[in-house]
Protein backbone atom coordinates (compact mmCIF):
# COMPACT_ATOMS: atom_id res chain seq x y z
CA MET A 1 125.35 -63.84 -3.81
CA SER A 2 126.08 -60.44 -5.24
CA PHE A 3 126.58 -57.32 -3.03
CA ASN A 4 123.32 -55.93 -3.97
CA GLU A 5 121.52 -58.84 -1.92
CA LYS A 6 123.74 -58.44 1.05
CA VAL A 7 123.22 -56.64 4.28
CA VAL A 8 126.29 -55.35 6.27
CA TYR A 9 126.32 -54.99 10.16
CA GLN A 10 128.72 -52.32 11.52
CA ILE A 11 130.45 -53.03 14.78
CA TYR A 12 132.21 -50.33 17.02
CA PRO A 13 134.52 -52.78 18.33
CA LYS A 14 135.13 -51.07 21.74
CA SER A 15 131.46 -51.30 22.60
CA TYR A 16 130.30 -54.41 21.29
CA ARG A 17 131.17 -57.19 23.70
CA ASP A 18 134.01 -57.35 26.34
CA SER A 19 135.33 -60.96 26.88
CA ASN A 20 138.01 -60.28 29.52
CA GLY A 21 136.36 -57.71 31.92
CA ASP A 22 138.59 -54.72 31.28
CA GLY A 23 135.57 -52.72 30.14
CA ILE A 24 136.61 -52.39 26.40
CA GLY A 25 135.08 -54.71 23.76
CA ASP A 26 137.27 -57.00 21.90
CA LEU A 27 137.66 -59.63 19.14
CA LYS A 28 136.89 -62.44 21.26
CA GLY A 29 133.79 -60.84 22.28
CA ILE A 30 132.65 -60.30 18.65
CA LYS A 31 133.47 -63.97 18.11
CA GLU A 32 131.18 -64.90 20.83
CA LYS A 33 128.34 -63.05 19.31
CA LEU A 34 128.55 -64.78 16.01
CA PRO A 35 125.60 -67.03 16.45
CA TYR A 36 123.42 -63.85 17.31
CA LEU A 37 124.53 -62.07 13.99
CA HIS A 38 123.89 -65.44 12.14
CA GLU A 39 120.31 -65.56 13.53
CA LEU A 40 119.78 -61.84 12.53
CA GLY A 41 120.79 -62.83 8.81
CA VAL A 42 123.60 -60.44 8.08
CA ASP A 43 126.26 -61.43 5.53
CA MET A 44 129.12 -59.20 6.57
CA ILE A 45 130.27 -57.26 9.52
CA TRP A 46 132.30 -54.21 9.32
CA LEU A 47 134.73 -53.39 12.00
CA ASN A 48 135.88 -49.75 12.86
CA PRO A 49 139.75 -49.75 12.90
CA ILE A 50 141.23 -52.34 15.20
CA TYR A 51 145.07 -51.40 14.43
CA PRO A 52 147.57 -50.01 16.80
CA SER A 53 146.82 -46.50 17.23
CA PRO A 54 147.30 -43.51 19.67
CA GLN A 55 143.63 -43.22 19.63
CA LYS A 56 143.78 -39.45 19.07
CA ASP A 57 140.83 -40.00 16.49
CA ASN A 58 139.25 -43.07 17.67
CA GLY A 59 141.59 -45.44 15.82
CA TYR A 60 141.42 -43.72 12.57
CA ASP A 61 145.05 -42.47 13.45
CA ILE A 62 146.72 -45.64 12.45
CA SER A 63 150.49 -46.15 13.62
CA ASP A 64 150.69 -49.79 12.08
CA TYR A 65 148.43 -50.84 9.22
CA VAL A 66 149.47 -54.48 9.58
CA ALA A 67 149.02 -55.39 13.12
CA ILE A 68 146.07 -55.73 15.70
CA ASP A 69 146.01 -53.28 18.62
CA PRO A 70 146.45 -55.37 21.87
CA LEU A 71 143.35 -53.28 23.06
CA PHE A 72 141.35 -55.56 20.90
CA GLY A 73 143.32 -58.83 20.99
CA THR A 74 145.95 -60.56 19.05
CA MET A 75 146.49 -61.32 15.31
CA GLU A 76 145.74 -64.92 16.05
CA GLU A 77 142.33 -64.03 17.54
CA PHE A 78 141.68 -62.03 14.34
CA GLU A 79 142.36 -65.01 12.22
CA GLU A 80 139.95 -67.11 14.37
CA LEU A 81 137.13 -64.47 13.98
CA VAL A 82 137.41 -64.67 10.21
CA THR A 83 137.50 -68.36 10.18
CA GLN A 84 134.68 -68.68 12.64
CA ALA A 85 132.55 -66.02 10.85
CA LYS A 86 132.88 -67.89 7.51
CA SER A 87 131.33 -70.99 9.20
CA TYR A 88 128.32 -68.83 9.86
CA ASN A 89 128.55 -67.41 6.28
CA ILE A 90 129.60 -64.17 7.54
CA GLU A 91 132.38 -62.30 5.94
CA ILE A 92 134.61 -59.45 7.53
CA MET A 93 134.83 -55.93 6.19
CA LEU A 94 137.95 -53.82 7.47
CA ASP A 95 138.10 -50.19 7.85
CA MET A 96 141.09 -48.81 5.66
CA VAL A 97 142.26 -45.37 6.35
CA LEU A 98 144.40 -44.56 3.29
CA ASN A 99 144.31 -40.76 3.31
CA HIS A 100 146.56 -40.26 6.29
CA VAL A 101 148.62 -41.80 9.06
CA SER A 102 149.28 -41.12 12.65
CA ILE A 103 152.43 -39.04 13.24
CA GLU A 104 153.60 -41.85 15.45
CA HIS A 105 153.63 -44.17 12.18
CA GLU A 106 157.15 -45.25 11.15
CA TRP A 107 156.87 -43.51 7.96
CA PHE A 108 156.52 -40.08 9.63
CA GLN A 109 159.07 -40.80 12.21
CA LYS A 110 161.60 -41.56 9.46
CA ALA A 111 160.52 -38.40 7.49
CA LEU A 112 160.82 -36.27 10.66
CA ALA A 113 164.46 -37.91 11.21
CA GLY A 114 165.45 -36.43 7.97
CA ASP A 115 164.95 -39.48 5.65
CA ARG A 116 164.21 -37.99 2.15
CA PHE A 117 162.69 -40.96 0.75
CA TYR A 118 159.92 -40.90 3.55
CA GLN A 119 159.79 -37.19 3.51
CA ASP A 120 158.02 -37.55 0.03
CA PHE A 121 155.45 -39.84 1.70
CA PHE A 122 153.78 -36.72 3.01
CA ILE A 123 152.62 -33.24 1.67
CA LEU A 124 155.28 -30.76 2.93
CA ARG A 125 155.26 -27.15 1.88
CA ASP A 126 157.49 -23.97 2.74
CA GLU A 127 154.42 -21.82 2.42
CA PRO A 128 151.04 -23.34 3.83
CA THR A 129 147.73 -22.56 2.05
CA ASP A 130 144.83 -20.93 3.92
CA TRP A 131 142.94 -24.43 4.07
CA VAL A 132 141.07 -25.26 7.26
CA SER A 133 141.20 -28.68 8.85
CA LYS A 134 137.88 -30.75 8.87
CA PHE A 135 138.41 -30.82 12.96
CA GLY A 136 138.81 -26.93 12.96
CA GLY A 137 141.93 -24.78 12.82
CA ASN A 138 144.81 -24.64 10.32
CA ALA A 139 145.16 -27.74 8.22
CA TRP A 140 148.99 -27.26 8.31
CA ALA A 141 151.42 -27.88 11.19
CA PRO A 142 155.07 -27.39 11.60
CA PHE A 143 157.02 -30.28 10.28
CA GLY A 144 159.60 -30.50 13.30
CA ASP A 145 162.13 -27.73 13.12
CA THR A 146 162.67 -27.92 9.28
CA GLY A 147 160.74 -24.73 8.61
CA LYS A 148 158.37 -26.83 6.47
CA TYR A 149 154.66 -27.43 7.26
CA TYR A 150 152.92 -30.75 6.71
CA LEU A 151 149.18 -31.10 5.51
CA HIS A 152 146.52 -32.64 8.00
CA LEU A 153 142.96 -32.40 6.75
CA TYR A 154 141.93 -33.94 10.00
CA ASP A 155 143.59 -33.86 13.47
CA GLN A 156 147.12 -32.46 13.79
CA THR A 157 148.27 -35.97 14.75
CA GLN A 158 147.12 -37.36 11.29
CA ALA A 159 149.42 -36.54 8.50
CA ASP A 160 148.07 -36.75 5.01
CA LEU A 161 149.79 -39.06 2.68
CA ASN A 162 151.08 -38.08 -0.88
CA TRP A 163 149.21 -40.17 -3.26
CA ARG A 164 151.26 -38.42 -6.16
CA ASN A 165 154.28 -40.50 -4.97
CA GLU A 166 153.90 -44.10 -6.49
CA ALA A 167 155.87 -45.43 -3.64
CA VAL A 168 153.18 -44.44 -1.27
CA GLN A 169 150.66 -46.13 -3.44
CA ALA A 170 152.88 -49.46 -3.56
CA GLU A 171 152.94 -49.43 0.18
CA LEU A 172 149.21 -48.96 0.55
CA PHE A 173 148.42 -51.67 -1.88
CA LYS A 174 150.56 -54.04 0.05
CA VAL A 175 148.52 -53.36 3.08
CA VAL A 176 145.31 -54.17 1.36
CA ARG A 177 146.84 -57.34 -0.12
CA PHE A 178 148.05 -58.28 3.45
CA TRP A 179 144.42 -58.19 4.90
CA MET A 180 143.05 -60.05 1.78
CA SER A 181 145.70 -62.77 2.49
CA LYS A 182 143.92 -63.10 6.00
CA GLY A 183 140.59 -63.84 4.36
CA VAL A 184 139.15 -60.41 4.55
CA LYS A 185 136.46 -59.96 1.84
CA GLY A 186 135.34 -56.32 2.42
CA PHE A 187 136.92 -53.01 2.60
CA ARG A 188 135.57 -49.66 3.76
CA PHE A 189 137.64 -46.84 2.60
CA ASP A 190 137.77 -43.84 4.88
CA VAL A 191 137.34 -40.40 3.42
CA ILE A 192 138.71 -41.86 0.16
CA ASN A 193 137.64 -39.08 -2.12
CA VAL A 194 140.14 -36.59 -0.62
CA ILE A 195 143.37 -38.52 -1.52
CA GLY A 196 143.61 -36.67 -4.89
CA LYS A 197 145.57 -33.62 -4.18
CA ASP A 198 147.00 -31.23 -7.09
CA GLU A 199 150.88 -30.84 -7.36
CA GLU A 200 150.34 -27.16 -6.93
CA LEU A 201 148.24 -26.38 -3.83
CA LYS A 202 146.20 -23.22 -4.18
CA ASN A 203 144.49 -21.03 -1.65
CA ASN A 204 140.78 -21.32 -1.22
CA ALA A 205 139.32 -19.24 1.51
CA GLU A 206 135.91 -19.39 -0.06
CA ASN A 207 135.10 -22.85 0.98
CA GLN A 208 138.09 -23.69 3.45
CA GLY A 209 139.96 -25.44 0.61
CA LYS A 210 137.60 -28.19 0.17
CA ALA A 211 137.32 -27.54 -3.62
CA GLU A 212 141.10 -28.18 -3.97
CA TYR A 213 141.10 -31.57 -2.76
CA THR A 214 137.53 -33.09 -2.91
CA ASP A 215 136.57 -35.52 -5.78
CA LYS A 216 139.32 -34.46 -7.80
CA PRO A 217 139.50 -36.27 -11.31
CA ILE A 218 142.82 -37.93 -10.32
CA THR A 219 141.06 -39.80 -7.48
CA HIS A 220 139.17 -41.90 -10.07
CA THR A 221 142.57 -42.73 -11.49
CA TYR A 222 143.96 -43.74 -8.10
CA LEU A 223 140.86 -45.79 -7.30
CA GLN A 224 141.11 -47.66 -10.54
CA ARG A 225 144.73 -48.46 -9.78
CA LEU A 226 143.76 -49.65 -6.20
CA ASN A 227 141.11 -51.97 -7.64
CA ARG A 228 143.58 -53.44 -10.29
CA GLU A 229 146.57 -53.88 -7.99
CA THR A 230 144.34 -55.40 -4.95
CA PHE A 231 140.76 -56.20 -4.38
CA GLY A 232 139.80 -56.23 -8.07
CA GLN A 233 141.66 -59.60 -8.22
CA ASP A 234 138.88 -61.17 -6.01
CA PRO A 235 135.48 -60.89 -7.61
CA GLU A 236 134.04 -61.90 -3.98
CA ILE A 237 135.45 -58.68 -2.25
CA ILE A 238 132.99 -55.87 -1.49
CA THR A 239 134.22 -52.19 -1.23
CA VAL A 240 132.42 -48.99 0.03
CA GLY A 241 134.01 -45.49 -0.18
CA GLU A 242 133.18 -42.91 2.42
CA MET A 243 132.75 -39.90 0.37
CA SER A 244 133.07 -36.70 2.04
CA SER A 245 131.13 -33.59 0.71
CA THR A 246 130.53 -35.47 -2.61
CA THR A 247 128.43 -35.14 -5.59
CA ILE A 248 125.91 -37.48 -7.22
CA GLU A 249 127.88 -37.22 -10.61
CA ASN A 250 131.11 -38.40 -8.86
CA CYS A 251 129.43 -41.19 -7.03
CA ILE A 252 128.14 -42.77 -10.28
CA LEU A 253 131.58 -42.69 -11.56
CA TYR A 254 132.98 -44.10 -8.24
CA THR A 255 130.58 -47.19 -8.59
CA GLU A 256 129.54 -47.66 -12.19
CA PRO A 257 130.74 -51.42 -12.46
CA SER A 258 132.43 -50.99 -15.88
CA ARG A 259 134.92 -48.40 -14.51
CA ASN A 260 136.43 -50.63 -11.84
CA GLU A 261 136.54 -48.40 -8.88
CA LEU A 262 134.36 -49.35 -5.95
CA SER A 263 131.31 -51.36 -5.29
CA MET A 264 129.33 -48.64 -3.46
CA VAL A 265 129.43 -45.29 -1.61
CA PHE A 266 128.47 -43.57 1.58
CA ASN A 267 127.44 -40.17 1.51
CA PHE A 268 126.05 -38.01 4.43
CA HIS A 269 123.97 -35.22 3.09
CA HIS A 270 120.77 -36.95 4.51
CA LEU A 271 122.12 -36.62 7.78
CA LYS A 272 122.46 -32.86 7.97
CA VAL A 273 118.94 -32.23 7.66
CA ASP A 274 118.58 -31.35 11.23
CA TYR A 275 121.68 -28.89 11.00
CA GLU A 276 120.79 -25.16 11.14
CA ASN A 277 122.74 -23.30 8.62
CA GLY A 278 125.23 -26.40 8.32
CA ASN A 279 125.92 -26.18 12.11
CA LYS A 280 126.04 -29.71 13.73
CA TRP A 281 125.42 -28.27 17.13
CA SER A 282 122.16 -26.98 16.56
CA THR A 283 118.81 -28.63 17.36
CA PRO A 284 116.09 -27.52 14.86
CA PRO A 285 113.42 -30.24 13.89
CA PHE A 286 114.52 -32.26 11.08
CA ASP A 287 113.65 -30.97 7.49
CA PHE A 288 111.48 -33.86 6.26
CA GLU A 289 111.16 -32.03 2.75
CA ALA A 290 114.91 -32.02 2.52
CA LEU A 291 115.33 -35.57 3.78
CA LYS A 292 112.86 -36.79 1.26
CA SER A 293 114.20 -34.87 -1.57
CA LEU A 294 117.79 -36.19 -0.93
CA PHE A 295 116.63 -39.62 -1.04
CA HIS A 296 114.64 -39.28 -4.20
CA THR A 297 117.38 -37.35 -6.14
CA TRP A 298 120.03 -39.69 -5.19
CA GLY A 299 117.88 -42.78 -5.75
CA GLU A 300 116.74 -41.88 -9.18
CA ALA A 301 120.18 -40.41 -10.44
CA MET A 302 122.13 -43.45 -9.25
CA SER A 303 119.32 -45.74 -10.56
CA LYS A 304 119.70 -44.01 -14.04
CA GLY A 305 123.56 -43.85 -13.90
CA ASN A 306 124.03 -47.43 -12.69
CA GLY A 307 125.76 -46.45 -9.64
CA TRP A 308 125.05 -47.82 -6.13
CA ASN A 309 124.49 -46.58 -2.63
CA ALA A 310 125.45 -47.90 0.67
CA LEU A 311 122.16 -47.17 2.57
CA PHE A 312 122.14 -46.13 6.36
CA LEU A 313 120.94 -43.90 9.00
CA ASN A 314 123.16 -44.78 11.92
CA ASN A 315 126.75 -45.04 12.47
CA HIS A 316 129.48 -44.57 14.92
CA ASP A 317 129.75 -40.79 14.34
CA GLN A 318 125.86 -39.81 14.56
CA PRO A 319 123.29 -39.70 17.28
CA ARG A 320 120.74 -42.51 17.13
CA ALA A 321 118.31 -42.04 14.15
CA LEU A 322 115.33 -42.76 16.34
CA ASN A 323 115.94 -39.64 18.61
CA ARG A 324 116.29 -37.69 15.35
CA PHE A 325 113.39 -38.66 13.27
CA VAL A 326 110.74 -40.28 15.59
CA ALA A 327 108.60 -39.43 18.67
CA ILE A 328 110.10 -42.23 20.73
CA ASP A 329 108.14 -41.62 23.92
CA LYS A 330 105.09 -43.34 22.12
CA TYR A 331 106.28 -44.64 18.97
CA ARG A 332 109.78 -46.10 19.40
CA THR A 333 108.78 -49.52 18.10
CA GLU A 334 106.74 -48.46 15.37
CA GLY A 335 109.29 -45.59 14.31
CA ALA A 336 112.29 -48.13 14.33
CA LYS A 337 110.34 -50.53 12.01
CA MET A 338 109.57 -47.75 9.71
CA LEU A 339 112.91 -46.37 9.29
CA ALA A 340 114.20 -49.90 8.69
CA THR A 341 111.76 -50.50 5.98
CA MET A 342 112.65 -47.19 4.31
CA ILE A 343 116.27 -48.35 4.16
CA HIS A 344 116.03 -52.06 3.64
CA LEU A 345 113.55 -52.01 0.68
CA ASN A 346 115.44 -49.19 -1.20
CA ARG A 347 117.90 -49.48 -4.00
CA GLY A 348 121.30 -49.86 -2.49
CA THR A 349 123.08 -51.98 0.16
CA PRO A 350 121.71 -51.52 3.73
CA TYR A 351 123.97 -51.04 6.54
CA ILE A 352 122.75 -51.83 10.25
CA TYR A 353 124.50 -50.20 12.99
CA MET A 354 124.92 -52.40 16.10
CA GLY A 355 121.93 -51.87 18.46
CA GLU A 356 119.76 -50.27 15.67
CA GLU A 357 118.20 -53.84 15.28
CA ILE A 358 116.76 -53.70 18.78
CA GLY A 359 115.74 -49.92 18.75
CA MET A 360 118.51 -48.61 20.78
CA ILE A 361 118.32 -44.80 21.53
CA ASP A 362 120.63 -42.09 22.95
CA PRO A 363 121.71 -42.75 26.58
CA ASP A 364 120.14 -39.78 28.29
CA PHE A 365 123.30 -38.79 30.01
CA GLN A 366 122.84 -36.21 32.80
CA HIS A 367 126.23 -34.36 33.10
CA ILE A 368 129.09 -33.28 30.74
CA ASP A 369 131.47 -35.59 32.65
CA ASP A 370 129.57 -38.55 31.08
CA TYR A 371 130.78 -37.90 27.81
CA VAL A 372 134.38 -38.84 26.62
CA ASP A 373 134.26 -37.98 22.80
CA VAL A 374 136.90 -35.38 22.29
CA GLU A 375 134.75 -33.70 19.45
CA SER A 376 131.96 -33.38 21.95
CA LEU A 377 134.08 -31.91 24.84
CA ASN A 378 135.78 -29.43 22.65
CA ALA A 379 132.45 -28.15 21.18
CA TYR A 380 131.01 -27.85 24.62
CA GLN A 381 134.02 -25.67 25.78
CA GLU A 382 133.76 -23.70 22.39
CA MET A 383 129.83 -22.81 23.25
CA LEU A 384 130.85 -21.70 26.57
CA ASN A 385 133.57 -19.44 25.09
CA GLN A 386 130.60 -17.96 22.80
CA SER A 387 128.63 -17.30 25.92
CA PHE A 388 126.23 -19.95 25.71
CA SER A 389 125.04 -21.16 29.14
CA GLU A 390 126.30 -24.36 30.53
CA GLU A 391 122.51 -25.68 30.32
CA GLU A 392 122.07 -24.69 26.65
CA ALA A 393 125.71 -25.93 25.64
CA PHE A 394 124.94 -29.37 27.34
CA ARG A 395 121.60 -29.61 25.71
CA ARG A 396 123.17 -29.36 22.48
CA ILE A 397 125.93 -31.89 23.22
CA LYS A 398 123.38 -34.29 24.50
CA ALA A 399 121.45 -34.21 21.21
CA LYS A 400 124.45 -34.47 18.76
CA SER A 401 127.32 -36.03 20.47
CA ARG A 402 129.05 -39.04 18.64
CA ASP A 403 129.05 -40.83 22.19
CA ASN A 404 125.31 -41.37 21.68
CA ALA A 405 126.06 -44.15 19.19
CA ARG A 406 129.09 -45.48 21.21
CA THR A 407 127.52 -46.63 24.29
CA PRO A 408 127.92 -50.41 24.94
CA MET A 409 125.58 -52.67 23.27
CA GLN A 410 122.63 -53.82 25.35
CA TRP A 411 122.58 -57.49 25.46
CA THR A 412 120.63 -58.12 28.80
CA SER A 413 118.96 -56.13 31.58
CA ASP A 414 121.68 -56.75 34.03
CA GLU A 415 123.85 -54.03 35.72
CA THR A 416 126.34 -53.86 32.87
CA ALA A 417 124.12 -54.92 30.23
CA GLY A 418 125.80 -58.26 29.43
CA PHE A 419 128.53 -56.06 27.83
CA THR A 420 131.34 -56.72 30.39
CA THR A 421 132.06 -57.97 33.91
CA GLY A 422 134.09 -54.84 34.56
CA THR A 423 133.48 -51.18 34.40
CA PRO A 424 132.37 -50.06 30.80
CA TRP A 425 134.84 -47.65 29.12
CA LEU A 426 131.78 -45.33 28.45
CA GLY A 427 128.44 -45.15 30.54
CA LEU A 428 125.75 -47.42 29.75
CA ALA A 429 122.17 -45.92 28.83
CA ALA A 430 119.99 -46.51 31.80
CA ASN A 431 117.18 -47.71 29.30
CA HIS A 432 119.22 -50.91 28.87
CA GLU A 433 117.03 -52.48 31.39
CA VAL A 434 114.12 -52.43 28.81
CA ILE A 435 115.95 -52.19 25.59
CA ASN A 436 118.09 -55.31 25.05
CA VAL A 437 118.79 -58.32 22.81
CA GLU A 438 117.33 -60.71 25.62
CA GLN A 439 114.12 -58.82 25.71
CA GLU A 440 113.78 -58.44 21.82
CA ARG A 441 114.44 -62.06 21.07
CA THR A 442 111.10 -63.17 23.02
CA SER A 443 108.43 -61.79 20.73
CA GLU A 444 107.78 -62.20 16.96
CA GLN A 445 106.49 -58.55 16.87
CA SER A 446 109.75 -57.31 18.12
CA ILE A 447 111.98 -54.84 16.03
CA PHE A 448 114.68 -57.70 16.01
CA ALA A 449 112.24 -60.04 14.36
CA TYR A 450 111.12 -57.30 11.76
CA TYR A 451 114.90 -56.52 10.96
CA LYS A 452 115.24 -60.44 10.20
CA LYS A 453 112.22 -60.30 7.80
CA LEU A 454 113.62 -57.37 5.86
CA ILE A 455 116.81 -59.11 5.45
CA GLN A 456 115.16 -62.29 4.27
CA LEU A 457 113.03 -60.27 1.71
CA ARG A 458 116.12 -58.75 0.10
CA LYS A 459 117.35 -62.28 -0.65
CA GLN A 460 113.97 -63.53 -1.75
CA TYR A 461 112.91 -60.87 -4.08
CA PRO A 462 114.90 -59.51 -6.97
CA VAL A 463 112.98 -56.37 -7.30
CA ILE A 464 114.25 -55.35 -3.80
CA ALA A 465 117.83 -56.28 -4.60
CA SER A 466 118.17 -55.13 -8.19
CA GLY A 467 115.12 -53.07 -9.24
CA ASP A 468 115.30 -49.47 -10.29
CA TYR A 469 114.16 -46.60 -8.25
CA GLN A 470 111.30 -44.09 -8.79
CA ALA A 471 110.01 -41.31 -6.52
CA TYR A 472 106.36 -41.86 -5.67
CA GLU A 473 104.12 -38.78 -4.61
CA PRO A 474 107.33 -36.70 -3.84
CA ASP A 475 105.06 -33.81 -2.85
CA HIS A 476 103.06 -35.64 -0.18
CA PRO A 477 103.75 -33.71 3.16
CA GLN A 478 104.12 -36.66 5.44
CA VAL A 479 104.85 -39.73 3.36
CA TYR A 480 108.16 -40.89 1.97
CA GLY A 481 107.39 -43.24 -0.81
CA TYR A 482 109.04 -44.86 -3.72
CA LEU A 483 108.54 -47.62 -6.55
CA ARG A 484 110.92 -50.31 -7.35
CA GLN A 485 110.57 -52.24 -10.67
CA LEU A 486 112.31 -55.17 -12.26
CA ASP A 487 111.16 -57.82 -14.81
CA GLY A 488 107.39 -57.42 -14.17
CA GLN A 489 107.78 -57.27 -10.50
CA LYS A 490 106.73 -53.99 -8.94
CA LEU A 491 107.08 -52.85 -5.37
CA LEU A 492 105.60 -49.84 -3.70
CA VAL A 493 107.07 -48.65 -0.53
CA LEU A 494 105.18 -45.95 1.60
CA THR A 495 106.48 -44.73 4.87
CA ASN A 496 104.48 -42.16 7.25
CA PHE A 497 107.30 -39.92 9.05
CA TYR A 498 104.92 -38.29 11.66
CA GLU A 499 102.61 -39.39 14.43
CA ASN A 500 99.58 -38.21 12.77
CA GLU A 501 97.47 -40.42 10.56
CA THR A 502 97.47 -39.53 6.80
CA THR A 503 96.03 -40.72 3.45
CA ILE A 504 97.67 -41.33 0.30
CA THR A 505 96.33 -42.44 -3.09
CA ILE A 506 97.76 -45.56 -4.49
CA PRO A 507 97.97 -46.82 -8.12
CA GLU A 508 94.98 -48.81 -9.15
CA GLU A 509 97.10 -51.80 -10.04
CA PHE A 510 98.16 -51.94 -6.28
CA ALA A 511 94.60 -51.96 -4.97
CA SER A 512 94.51 -55.77 -4.87
CA ALA A 513 98.11 -56.26 -3.93
CA GLN A 514 98.98 -58.04 -0.68
CA PRO A 515 101.27 -56.22 1.88
CA LEU A 516 104.73 -57.76 1.63
CA ILE A 517 105.48 -56.39 5.02
CA SER A 518 104.00 -53.76 7.18
CA ASN A 519 104.68 -52.44 10.88
CA TYR A 520 100.91 -52.50 11.56
CA ALA A 521 98.50 -55.67 11.32
CA ASN A 522 95.47 -55.45 9.48
CA THR A 523 95.82 -52.57 7.04
CA LEU A 524 92.91 -52.31 4.68
CA ILE A 525 94.22 -51.78 1.12
CA GLN A 526 92.17 -49.41 -0.90
CA GLU A 527 92.75 -46.55 -3.29
CA GLU A 528 92.80 -43.99 -0.54
CA LEU A 529 95.18 -45.66 1.78
CA THR A 530 95.05 -44.63 5.42
CA LEU A 531 98.69 -44.78 7.21
CA ARG A 532 98.66 -44.88 10.87
CA PRO A 533 101.47 -42.96 12.98
CA TYR A 534 104.88 -44.02 11.62
CA GLN A 535 103.41 -46.77 9.43
CA ALA A 536 105.52 -48.42 6.82
CA ILE A 537 103.99 -50.79 4.19
CA ALA A 538 105.24 -52.20 1.00
CA LEU A 539 102.97 -53.63 -1.71
CA LEU A 540 104.13 -56.13 -4.19
CA ILE A 541 102.55 -57.15 -7.60
CA GLN A 542 104.14 -59.63 -9.85
């Protein structure tokens, strides 16, 4: 089965299932839930970082690339997970953070101690540029007492690696091969399009330095080398690159198969449609025109250029999509199915973030002390410094915090949601009493059952897995629609993004088509099609 037929399920390990009662999810807990994942029908599970780490950035600050953090278990337990998952026809995808390491990593410590060989593993300068860190503040920090500075595009504890040094590349290739030897069949490369820095680094106050390190041509050379030296040797391996502030043109280059770079790419433009002037901590209504336009532009261009998208609306860094795009008080179930239809019948590989398949929503925390995410706590303090009231600052954190997606997975309605026998590391959503796996599995009309059907359809119909993409009625004020075509099969997908009914004209050839899937029963198919609140419908002709 090629990657265009597959569906990937993302697990935030800390929050999935705790097997030993310490309140933190672990590898044994994930293994315990493999039958559930098999029932859902997913082909691969992507795990956020499980390596040893000081956890300054949620495990994306790695201190040892080839070990398991005791927080999550042992190497033996990881190997068991890989083997057990394979018995359910599920493969493991690991998160590879190859742009930077924790300053606690042995390489950085040796460099600090004066080892010239390891000093060249990092980007050291006598005179720092004016670049701004993605996490705020200066992107340079003093390198010990040497008088030099090291580059950190992210947290100060995450030192950027010098990919211009072939010894660095050789070490990182070894890391990927190590995990390949453990039976890993998927790699998600964190912020991989910022690894290409020029030898001479220039000031760039205009856009905080981003133009100096994002999507540089040499990045393609590095990825081709990474492919050739590691995962390219195994045609079964799937790769996805997380692309920061990227362009369609580059994403076609990253994923066009003959270039031998990556299988697919994530971009985040569509998840900024509820940012006011680019500010994450703002709360305007989402911009439907922008959302629709982004999906159409990327869908059509990637289709024409033979590139491939990773499709998603939820992940560990985003508030729950249902809260952002749907009137959940009345239409949580319909809205969840509509968003799923939009993603799963699209051109690209769908990613499900844990809990999305049961319609999990933001936890409705009541106090700032309920949050643990450092980004949220810093932003709250920053807003207070800017004279926001405590109420207004908290309202914004509540809407946009990353902790919204990190609350423990809701398995049952019991006190700790079936996640742990102890105290969860992060508070549970009170709604777990009604929104949980146990509840969802009892009905054929559930969100879970709908996800199962969508996953099966991708495997059943080549037009879903491999068809091209064409925008349909792009100017409709309420409907996001698209056409997929392949070898005589045609699929029309229509999604109403609002709680008001609307009508849309469908092509004559679809007037006698049978609905392939819909989140409402008994839709009368006619030329002027009426869509109910948050209705999704797909019509197939073949």
